[in-house]
Amino acid sequence: MDKGRFGRQDRLIKDERRDAYREKRKLRDGTVCGECSAVYQGGRWTWQSGIEGLAATTCPACMRKSDDYPAGTVMIRGSFFREHKKEMMNLVRNVEKLEKGEHPLERIMGVRSKQNEAVITTTGVHIARRIGNALKSSYQGDLVLNYEDGEKKVQVLWQRE
């Protein structure tokens, strides 16, 4: 069998998945998000104040929010949630405050709550995982993490009856 000039022709081409919300080009330091005022500085988004923006853009977290395309989904289920809803949602908001303070692209997009469950959507996988771990640490219960598309999306399920 002749391999020909180009070698084997039966090799599979790996489909490289790209994150549509990741910067395609390097931004200039001092670029400011027009939505949330996060600043791109030193290769990452930060919450620096007092920086006069050289250019305006929309950060990946604000793009995800406007497109309603979450990177993380946290589902909280069970009768335990119904009985402790207020304190559990306070824990979720405290986790967001800590994570968002250090990492501006990790935010809660929305919360939908019913009697025995809540669904929280997030702009990043890290905050979703951190919320799940905080719930497990504070209230025990069962925690399941399902990553999709490599590790670009995550579904977190915490439940306790």
C-alpha atoms as a PDB file:
ATOM      1  CA  MET A   1       0.000   0.000   0.000  1.00  0.00           C
ATOM      2  CA  ASP A   2       1.425   3.320  -1.081  1.00  0.00           C
ATOM      3  CA  LYS A   3       1.188   6.072   1.540  1.00  0.00           C
ATOM      4  CA  GLY A   4       1.693   8.661  -1.128  1.00  0.00           C
ATOM      5  CA  ARG A   5       3.166  12.053  -0.713  1.00  0.00           C
ATOM      6  CA  PHE A   6       1.027  13.058   2.262  1.00  0.00           C
ATOM      7  CA  GLY A   7       1.356   9.963   4.473  1.00  0.00           C
ATOM      8  CA  ARG A   8      -1.620   8.139   5.881  1.00  0.00           C
ATOM      9  CA  GLN A   9      -4.971   9.508   4.906  1.00  0.00           C
ATOM     10  CA  ASP A  10      -7.086   7.650   7.484  1.00  0.00           C
ATOM     11  CA  ARG A  11      -6.077   9.555  10.616  1.00  0.00           C
ATOM     12  CA  LEU A  12      -8.799  11.191  12.641  1.00  0.00           C
ATOM     13  CA  ILE A  13      -8.627  14.926  12.958  1.00  0.00           C
ATOM     14  CA  LYS A  14      -9.189  16.016  16.511  1.00  0.00           C
ATOM     15  CA  ASP A  15     -11.974  18.539  16.838  1.00  0.00           C
ATOM     16  CA  GLU A  16     -10.534  21.246  19.052  1.00  0.00           C
ATOM     17  CA  ARG A  17     -13.287  22.874  21.091  1.00  0.00           C
ATOM     18  CA  ARG A  18     -12.900  26.560  21.703  1.00  0.00           C
ATOM     19  CA  ASP A  19     -14.584  28.675  24.341  1.00  0.00           C
ATOM     20  CA  ALA A  20     -16.535  31.362  22.495  1.00  0.00           C
ATOM     21  CA  TYR A  21     -16.312  33.626  25.549  1.00  0.00           C
ATOM     22  CA  ARG A  22     -12.553  33.485  25.887  1.00  0.00           C
ATOM     23  CA  GLU A  23     -10.653  36.465  24.505  1.00  0.00           C
ATOM     24  CA  LYS A  24      -9.642  35.856  20.898  1.00  0.00           C
ATOM     25  CA  ARG A  25      -6.970  38.507  21.048  1.00  0.00           C
ATOM     26  CA  LYS A  26      -4.946  40.008  23.831  1.00  0.00           C
ATOM     27  CA  LEU A  27      -6.533  43.147  25.179  1.00  0.00           C
ATOM     28  CA  ARG A  28      -4.576  46.252  26.073  1.00  0.00           C
ATOM     29  CA  ASP A  29      -3.969  46.856  29.755  1.00  0.00           C
ATOM     30  CA  GLY A  30      -6.526  49.295  31.098  1.00  0.00           C
ATOM     31  CA  THR A  31      -9.392  48.046  28.909  1.00  0.00           C
ATOM     32  CA  VAL A  32     -12.621  48.492  30.875  1.00  0.00           C
ATOM     33  CA  CYS A  33     -15.869  46.537  30.619  1.00  0.00           C
ATOM     34  CA  GLY A  34     -18.633  49.004  29.793  1.00  0.00           C
ATOM     35  CA  GLU A  35     -21.193  46.874  31.678  1.00  0.00           C
ATOM     36  CA  CYS A  36     -19.580  46.058  35.041  1.00  0.00           C
ATOM     37  CA  SER A  37     -16.451  48.281  35.099  1.00  0.00           C
ATOM     38  CA  ALA A  38     -14.043  45.352  35.477  1.00  0.00           C
ATOM     39  CA  VAL A  39     -10.556  46.256  34.220  1.00  0.00           C
ATOM     40  CA  TYR A  40      -8.290  44.093  32.077  1.00  0.00           C
ATOM     41  CA  GLN A  41      -4.850  44.467  33.626  1.00  0.00           C
ATOM     42  CA  GLY A  42      -1.770  42.258  33.413  1.00  0.00           C
ATOM     43  CA  GLY A  43      -3.485  39.577  31.342  1.00  0.00           C
ATOM     44  CA  ARG A  44      -6.552  39.146  33.571  1.00  0.00           C
ATOM     45  CA  TRP A  45      -9.768  40.870  34.595  1.00  0.00           C
ATOM     46  CA  THR A  46      -9.631  42.671  37.958  1.00  0.00           C
ATOM     47  CA  TRP A  47     -11.657  45.102  40.078  1.00  0.00           C
ATOM     48  CA  GLN A  48      -9.127  47.914  40.084  1.00  0.00           C
ATOM     49  CA  SER A  49     -10.392  51.387  40.721  1.00  0.00           C
ATOM     50  CA  GLY A  50      -8.870  54.654  39.690  1.00  0.00           C
ATOM     51  CA  ILE A  51      -7.680  53.350  36.326  1.00  0.00           C
ATOM     52  CA  GLU A  52      -8.659  55.481  33.402  1.00  0.00           C
ATOM     53  CA  GLY A  53      -9.793  53.097  30.683  1.00  0.00           C
ATOM     54  CA  LEU A  54      -7.934  53.217  27.392  1.00  0.00           C
ATOM     55  CA  ALA A  55     -10.631  51.284  25.562  1.00  0.00           C
ATOM     56  CA  ALA A  56     -14.041  49.871  26.319  1.00  0.00           C
ATOM     57  CA  THR A  57     -15.269  46.365  25.649  1.00  0.00           C
ATOM     58  CA  THR A  58     -17.585  43.806  27.221  1.00  0.00           C
ATOM     59  CA  CYS A  59     -15.989  41.243  29.518  1.00  0.00           C
ATOM     60  CA  PRO A  60     -16.717  37.524  29.019  1.00  0.00           C
ATOM     61  CA  ALA A  61     -18.933  37.364  32.139  1.00  0.00           C
ATOM     62  CA  CYS A  62     -21.164  40.192  30.914  1.00  0.00           C
ATOM     63  CA  MET A  63     -21.322  38.587  27.449  1.00  0.00           C
ATOM     64  CA  ARG A  64     -22.440  35.280  28.985  1.00  0.00           C
ATOM     65  CA  LYS A  65     -25.064  37.097  31.025  1.00  0.00           C
ATOM     66  CA  SER A  66     -26.467  39.015  28.044  1.00  0.00           C
ATOM     67  CA  ASP A  67     -26.490  35.830  25.918  1.00  0.00           C
ATOM     68  CA  ASP A  68     -28.048  33.860  28.808  1.00  0.00           C
ATOM     69  CA  TYR A  69     -25.429  31.142  28.286  1.00  0.00           C
ATOM     70  CA  PRO A  70     -24.208  29.931  31.690  1.00  0.00           C
ATOM     71  CA  ALA A  71     -20.978  28.017  32.216  1.00  0.00           C
ATOM     72  CA  GLY A  72     -22.305  26.519  35.445  1.00  0.00           C
ATOM     73  CA  THR A  73     -25.662  25.364  36.743  1.00  0.00           C
ATOM     74  CA  VAL A  74     -26.191  24.566  40.427  1.00  0.00           C
ATOM     75  CA  MET A  75     -29.338  22.641  41.380  1.00  0.00           C
ATOM     76  CA  ILE A  76     -30.271  22.500  45.054  1.00  0.00           C
ATOM     77  CA  ARG A  77     -33.014  19.986  45.820  1.00  0.00           C
ATOM     78  CA  GLY A  78     -34.818  18.360  48.716  1.00  0.00           C
ATOM     79  CA  SER A  79     -37.039  19.003  51.681  1.00  0.00           C
ATOM     80  CA  PHE A  80     -33.986  20.211  53.655  1.00  0.00           C
ATOM     81  CA  PHE A  81     -33.739  23.129  51.225  1.00  0.00           C
ATOM     82  CA  ARG A  82     -37.387  24.067  51.823  1.00  0.00           C
ATOM     83  CA  GLU A  83     -36.777  24.170  55.580  1.00  0.00           C
ATOM     84  CA  HIS A  84     -33.458  26.088  55.389  1.00  0.00           C
ATOM     85  CA  LYS A  85     -33.911  28.109  52.214  1.00  0.00           C
ATOM     86  CA  LYS A  86     -33.004  31.526  53.603  1.00  0.00           C
ATOM     87  CA  GLU A  87     -29.763  30.476  55.304  1.00  0.00           C
ATOM     88  CA  MET A  88     -28.716  28.334  52.331  1.00  0.00           C
ATOM     89  CA  MET A  89     -29.259  31.194  49.877  1.00  0.00           C
ATOM     90  CA  ASN A  90     -27.258  33.479  52.217  1.00  0.00           C
ATOM     91  CA  LEU A  91     -24.407  30.950  52.012  1.00  0.00           C
ATOM     92  CA  VAL A  92     -24.667  30.977  48.198  1.00  0.00           C
ATOM     93  CA  ARG A  93     -24.503  34.800  48.118  1.00  0.00           C
ATOM     94  CA  ASN A  94     -21.514  34.822  50.497  1.00  0.00           C
ATOM     95  CA  VAL A  95     -19.664  32.358  48.259  1.00  0.00           C
ATOM     96  CA  GLU A  96     -20.424  34.599  45.278  1.00  0.00           C
ATOM     97  CA  LYS A  97     -19.147  37.667  47.127  1.00  0.00           C
ATOM     98  CA  LEU A  98     -15.830  35.953  47.959  1.00  0.00           C
ATOM     99  CA  GLU A  99     -15.349  34.424  44.504  1.00  0.00           C
ATOM    100  CA  LYS A 100     -16.385  37.541  42.591  1.00  0.00           C
ATOM    101  CA  GLY A 101     -14.079  39.703  44.725  1.00  0.00           C
ATOM    102  CA  GLU A 102     -11.056  37.656  43.658  1.00  0.00           C
ATOM    103  CA  HIS A 103     -12.197  36.677  40.163  1.00  0.00           C
ATOM    104  CA  PRO A 104     -14.473  39.185  38.377  1.00  0.00           C
ATOM    105  CA  LEU A 105     -15.510  36.660  35.714  1.00  0.00           C
ATOM    106  CA  GLU A 106     -17.031  34.293  38.315  1.00  0.00           C
ATOM    107  CA  ARG A 107     -20.569  35.519  39.069  1.00  0.00           C
ATOM    108  CA  ILE A 108     -24.117  34.365  39.631  1.00  0.00           C
ATOM    109  CA  MET A 109     -26.258  35.072  36.578  1.00  0.00           C
ATOM    110  CA  GLY A 110     -29.627  34.173  37.997  1.00  0.00           C
ATOM    111  CA  VAL A 111     -31.579  32.248  40.631  1.00  0.00           C
ATOM    112  CA  ARG A 112     -34.880  30.459  40.072  1.00  0.00           C
ATOM    113  CA  SER A 113     -36.430  29.066  43.204  1.00  0.00           C
ATOM    114  CA  LYS A 114     -39.387  26.769  43.834  1.00  0.00           C
ATOM    115  CA  GLN A 115     -40.585  25.168  47.033  1.00  0.00           C
ATOM    116  CA  ASN A 116     -38.151  22.218  47.153  1.00  0.00           C
ATOM    117  CA  GLU A 117     -35.468  23.386  44.736  1.00  0.00           C
ATOM    118  CA  ALA A 118     -33.384  26.241  43.411  1.00  0.00           C
ATOM    119  CA  VAL A 119     -31.518  26.525  40.128  1.00  0.00           C
ATOM    120  CA  ILE A 120     -28.574  28.918  40.090  1.00  0.00           C
ATOM    121  CA  THR A 121     -26.784  29.794  36.860  1.00  0.00           C
ATOM    122  CA  THR A 122     -23.212  31.086  36.893  1.00  0.00           C
ATOM    123  CA  THR A 123     -20.783  32.700  34.475  1.00  0.00           C
ATOM    124  CA  GLY A 124     -17.954  30.333  35.437  1.00  0.00           C
ATOM    125  CA  VAL A 125     -17.375  26.717  36.421  1.00  0.00           C
ATOM    126  CA  HIS A 126     -15.297  27.582  39.488  1.00  0.00           C
ATOM    127  CA  ILE A 127     -18.039  29.472  41.327  1.00  0.00           C
ATOM    128  CA  ALA A 128     -20.545  26.698  40.584  1.00  0.00           C
ATOM    129  CA  ARG A 129     -18.176  24.071  41.998  1.00  0.00           C
ATOM    130  CA  ARG A 130     -17.358  26.285  44.981  1.00  0.00           C
ATOM    131  CA  ILE A 131     -21.069  26.746  45.786  1.00  0.00           C
ATOM    132  CA  GLY A 132     -21.593  22.980  45.638  1.00  0.00           C
ATOM    133  CA  ASN A 133     -18.606  22.340  47.894  1.00  0.00           C
ATOM    134  CA  ALA A 134     -19.797  24.973  50.394  1.00  0.00           C
ATOM    135  CA  LEU A 135     -23.251  23.370  50.544  1.00  0.00           C
ATOM    136  CA  LYS A 136     -21.714  19.908  51.056  1.00  0.00           C
ATOM    137  CA  SER A 137     -19.345  21.212  53.735  1.00  0.00           C
ATOM    138  CA  SER A 138     -22.031  23.130  55.634  1.00  0.00           C
ATOM    139  CA  TYR A 139     -25.074  20.863  55.264  1.00  0.00           C
ATOM    140  CA  GLN A 140     -23.668  17.455  54.229  1.00  0.00           C
ATOM    141  CA  GLY A 141     -26.087  15.911  51.709  1.00  0.00           C
ATOM    142  CA  ASP A 142     -25.174  14.457  48.314  1.00  0.00           C
ATOM    143  CA  LEU A 143     -23.062  16.381  45.799  1.00  0.00           C
ATOM    144  CA  VAL A 144     -22.655  15.410  42.138  1.00  0.00           C
ATOM    145  CA  LEU A 145     -20.499  17.330  39.632  1.00  0.00           C
ATOM    146  CA  ASN A 146     -20.895  16.699  35.881  1.00  0.00           C
ATOM    147  CA  TYR A 147     -18.451  18.422  33.552  1.00  0.00           C
ATOM    148  CA  GLU A 148     -19.322  18.919  29.883  1.00  0.00           C
ATOM    149  CA  ASP A 149     -17.382  20.078  26.840  1.00  0.00           C
ATOM    150  CA  GLY A 150     -14.048  19.288  28.431  1.00  0.00           C
ATOM    151  CA  GLU A 151     -14.259  21.371  31.577  1.00  0.00           C
ATOM    152  CA  LYS A 152     -15.891  24.447  30.058  1.00  0.00           C
ATOM    153  CA  LYS A 153     -19.343  23.719  31.533  1.00  0.00           C
ATOM    154  CA  VAL A 154     -20.447  22.095  34.771  1.00  0.00           C
ATOM    155  CA  GLN A 155     -23.713  20.933  36.290  1.00  0.00           C
ATOM    156  CA  VAL A 156     -23.713  20.732  40.073  1.00  0.00           C
ATOM    157  CA  LEU A 157     -26.444  18.865  41.942  1.00  0.00           C
ATOM    158  CA  TRP A 158     -26.702  19.102  45.729  1.00  0.00           C
ATOM    159  CA  GLN A 159     -29.582  17.400  47.502  1.00  0.00           C
ATOM    160  CA  ARG A 160     -30.696  16.352  50.943  1.00  0.00           C
ATOM    161  CA  GLU A 161     -34.060  15.104  52.110  1.00  0.00           C
END
